[in-house]
């Protein structure tokens, strides 16, 4: 069930957070990239157009209702998270710009639910071309189609849609 974002205002975009923000309470909003439930420990990657940040819900530091809600998250749900930025206690993820930090949520709202997409919406997803073409509107969320068409031709083009 979708919740209201009334009273929330984004303070940072996901990719803007850094070690300089450690200790700050932030509000981020974005799509769930992936969520992993390790039994009492839930890792959720939240993305927006600026990047990805990891949200960590752990028994003892996070309210049980938030952990339960985080465990039910699926890819492409739209969420708002209010939480504290902390330096990662575990391994640093060098693959993303925000890999040294994580957000410990004090509030989690599901703004919109989504059906599971037919393929992962990621830059280097290994999906058959016919499926990518059928659902090309999803592929546009990664920006990979725009980059590749521009790099190959040197022209920035749009495809017109004719309707009756």
Protein backbone atom coordinates (compact mmCIF):
# COMPACT_ATOMS: atom_id res chain seq x y z
CA UNK A 1 0.00 0.00 0.00
CA UNK A 2 1.43 3.36 -1.05
CA UNK A 3 2.07 5.91 1.66
CA UNK A 4 1.98 9.70 1.53
CA UNK A 5 5.15 11.74 1.36
CA UNK A 6 3.46 14.57 3.23
CA UNK A 7 5.90 16.24 5.60
CA UNK A 8 8.97 14.87 3.81
CA UNK A 9 11.42 16.93 1.81
CA UNK A 10 14.47 15.44 0.14
CA UNK A 11 17.66 16.77 1.67
CA UNK A 12 20.12 14.96 -0.61
CA UNK A 13 20.18 12.89 -3.75
CA UNK A 14 21.51 9.34 -3.34
CA UNK A 15 24.78 9.93 -5.21
CA UNK A 16 25.50 13.23 -3.44
CA UNK A 17 26.14 11.63 -0.06
CA UNK A 18 29.74 11.10 1.03
CA UNK A 19 31.92 10.54 4.09
CA UNK A 20 31.53 14.27 4.79
CA UNK A 21 27.84 13.58 5.63
CA UNK A 22 28.59 10.98 8.34
CA UNK A 23 26.47 11.74 11.42
CA UNK A 24 23.89 13.80 9.52
CA UNK A 25 20.20 12.92 9.34
CA UNK A 26 19.15 12.86 5.68
CA UNK A 27 16.02 12.28 3.63
CA UNK A 28 16.52 10.43 0.36
CA UNK A 29 13.99 9.26 -2.20
CA UNK A 30 14.38 6.88 -5.09
CA UNK A 31 13.77 3.47 -6.61
CA UNK A 32 14.77 0.21 -4.97
CA UNK A 33 17.56 -1.27 -7.09
CA UNK A 34 17.70 -4.49 -5.07
CA UNK A 35 16.92 -5.67 -1.58
CA UNK A 36 18.59 -8.53 0.30
CA UNK A 37 17.13 -10.04 3.47
CA UNK A 38 19.70 -11.89 5.59
CA UNK A 39 17.33 -12.63 8.51
CA UNK A 40 17.38 -9.72 10.94
CA UNK A 41 19.59 -7.75 8.57
CA UNK A 42 18.13 -6.16 5.41
CA UNK A 43 20.27 -4.42 2.79
CA UNK A 44 18.44 -2.19 0.30
CA UNK A 45 20.10 -0.33 -2.57
CA UNK A 46 18.18 2.86 -3.35
CA UNK A 47 18.92 4.71 -6.57
CA UNK A 48 18.00 7.96 -8.21
CA UNK A 49 19.45 9.74 -11.22
CA UNK A 50 22.58 10.73 -9.29
CA UNK A 51 23.62 7.30 -8.01
CA UNK A 52 23.04 4.49 -5.52
CA UNK A 53 23.16 4.39 -1.70
CA UNK A 54 22.81 1.38 0.58
CA UNK A 55 20.21 1.46 3.36
CA UNK A 56 20.87 -1.03 6.19
CA UNK A 57 18.19 -2.22 8.63
CA UNK A 58 19.61 -4.28 11.50
CA UNK A 59 17.97 -5.70 14.60
CA UNK A 60 18.99 -3.68 17.61
CA UNK A 61 19.63 -0.45 15.70
CA UNK A 62 16.46 -0.23 13.60
CA UNK A 63 12.82 -0.43 14.68
CA UNK A 64 11.21 -3.86 14.05
CA UNK A 65 8.39 -2.31 11.96
CA UNK A 66 10.95 -0.71 9.63
CA UNK A 67 12.83 -4.01 9.28
CA UNK A 68 9.57 -5.78 8.40
CA UNK A 69 8.71 -3.11 5.82
CA UNK A 70 12.24 -3.21 4.35
CA UNK A 71 12.05 -7.00 4.04
CA UNK A 72 8.94 -6.62 1.85
CA UNK A 73 10.58 -4.22 -0.64
CA UNK A 74 10.98 -5.35 -4.24
CA UNK A 75 12.82 -3.95 -7.26
CA UNK A 76 11.44 -0.67 -8.60
CA UNK A 77 9.39 0.23 -5.53
CA UNK A 78 9.62 3.97 -4.90
CA UNK A 79 10.70 4.74 -1.35
CA UNK A 80 11.50 7.65 0.94
CA UNK A 81 14.05 7.06 3.69
CA UNK A 82 14.85 9.30 6.64
CA UNK A 83 17.96 8.15 8.43
CA UNK A 84 21.43 8.76 9.72
CA UNK A 85 24.51 8.46 7.51
CA UNK A 86 27.16 6.21 8.99
CA UNK A 87 30.51 4.93 7.84
CA UNK A 88 30.25 1.31 6.71
CA UNK A 89 31.14 -1.16 9.41
CA UNK A 90 31.83 -3.94 6.90
CA UNK A 91 33.58 -4.04 3.56
CA UNK A 92 33.76 -0.88 1.47
CA UNK A 93 32.13 -1.14 -1.98
CA UNK A 94 34.55 0.43 -4.46
CA UNK A 95 32.11 -0.08 -7.35
CA UNK A 96 29.87 2.82 -6.29
CA UNK A 97 30.72 6.40 -5.26
CA UNK A 98 28.85 6.03 -1.96
CA UNK A 99 30.56 2.72 -1.12
CA UNK A 100 32.13 3.98 2.11
CA UNK A 101 28.83 4.93 3.77
CA UNK A 102 25.34 3.59 4.48
CA UNK A 103 22.07 5.03 5.77
CA UNK A 104 20.51 3.63 8.96
CA UNK A 105 16.79 4.42 8.64
CA UNK A 106 14.60 5.94 11.34
CA UNK A 107 11.67 6.18 8.92
CA UNK A 108 10.84 4.27 5.74
CA UNK A 109 7.89 5.00 3.49
CA UNK A 110 6.83 3.07 0.40
CA UNK A 111 5.59 5.80 -1.95
CA UNK A 112 4.68 3.45 -4.80
CA UNK A 113 4.75 -0.28 -5.37
CA UNK A 114 5.72 -1.86 -8.67
CA UNK A 115 5.50 -5.16 -10.46
CA UNK A 116 8.79 -6.94 -10.86
CA UNK A 117 10.36 -5.82 -14.15
CA UNK A 118 11.04 -8.44 -16.86
CA UNK A 119 14.79 -7.82 -16.58
CA UNK A 120 17.07 -6.03 -14.11
CA UNK A 121 17.27 -2.31 -14.84
CA UNK A 122 21.04 -2.01 -14.73
CA UNK A 123 23.72 -0.69 -17.06
CA UNK A 124 25.36 -4.04 -17.86
CA UNK A 125 22.40 -6.39 -17.65
CA UNK A 126 22.81 -9.53 -19.76
CA UNK A 127 19.32 -9.74 -21.25
CA UNK A 128 18.24 -10.99 -24.65
CA UNK A 129 17.88 -8.25 -27.24
CA UNK A 130 14.26 -9.14 -28.11
CA UNK A 131 13.18 -8.68 -24.49
CA UNK A 132 15.08 -5.38 -24.26
CA UNK A 133 13.37 -4.15 -27.42
CA UNK A 134 9.92 -5.22 -26.24
CA UNK A 135 10.41 -3.31 -22.98
CA UNK A 136 12.68 -0.56 -24.33
CA UNK A 137 10.93 2.08 -22.23
CA UNK A 138 12.47 0.38 -19.17
CA UNK A 139 15.91 0.34 -20.77
CA UNK A 140 15.71 4.12 -21.15
CA UNK A 141 15.82 4.45 -17.35
CA UNK A 142 19.46 3.34 -17.41
CA UNK A 143 20.52 5.82 -20.07
CA UNK A 144 22.44 3.06 -21.87
CA UNK A 145 20.30 3.33 -25.02
CA UNK A 146 20.89 7.07 -25.27
CA UNK A 147 24.64 6.74 -24.77
CA UNK A 148 25.08 3.93 -27.27
CA UNK A 149 23.01 5.55 -30.03
CA UNK A 150 24.81 8.87 -29.62
CA UNK A 151 28.27 7.30 -29.47
CA UNK A 152 27.68 5.23 -32.60
CA UNK A 153 26.16 7.93 -34.82
CA UNK A 154 27.33 11.20 -33.32
CA UNK A 155 23.74 12.46 -33.58
CA UNK A 156 21.33 13.07 -30.76
CA UNK A 157 18.06 11.69 -32.12
CA UNK A 158 14.56 11.06 -30.85
CA UNK A 159 12.14 8.53 -32.28
CA UNK A 160 8.75 9.97 -33.16
CA UNK A 161 5.59 8.14 -32.18
CA UNK A 162 2.67 8.30 -34.57
CA UNK A 163 -0.79 7.85 -33.11
CA UNK A 164 -4.22 7.79 -34.68
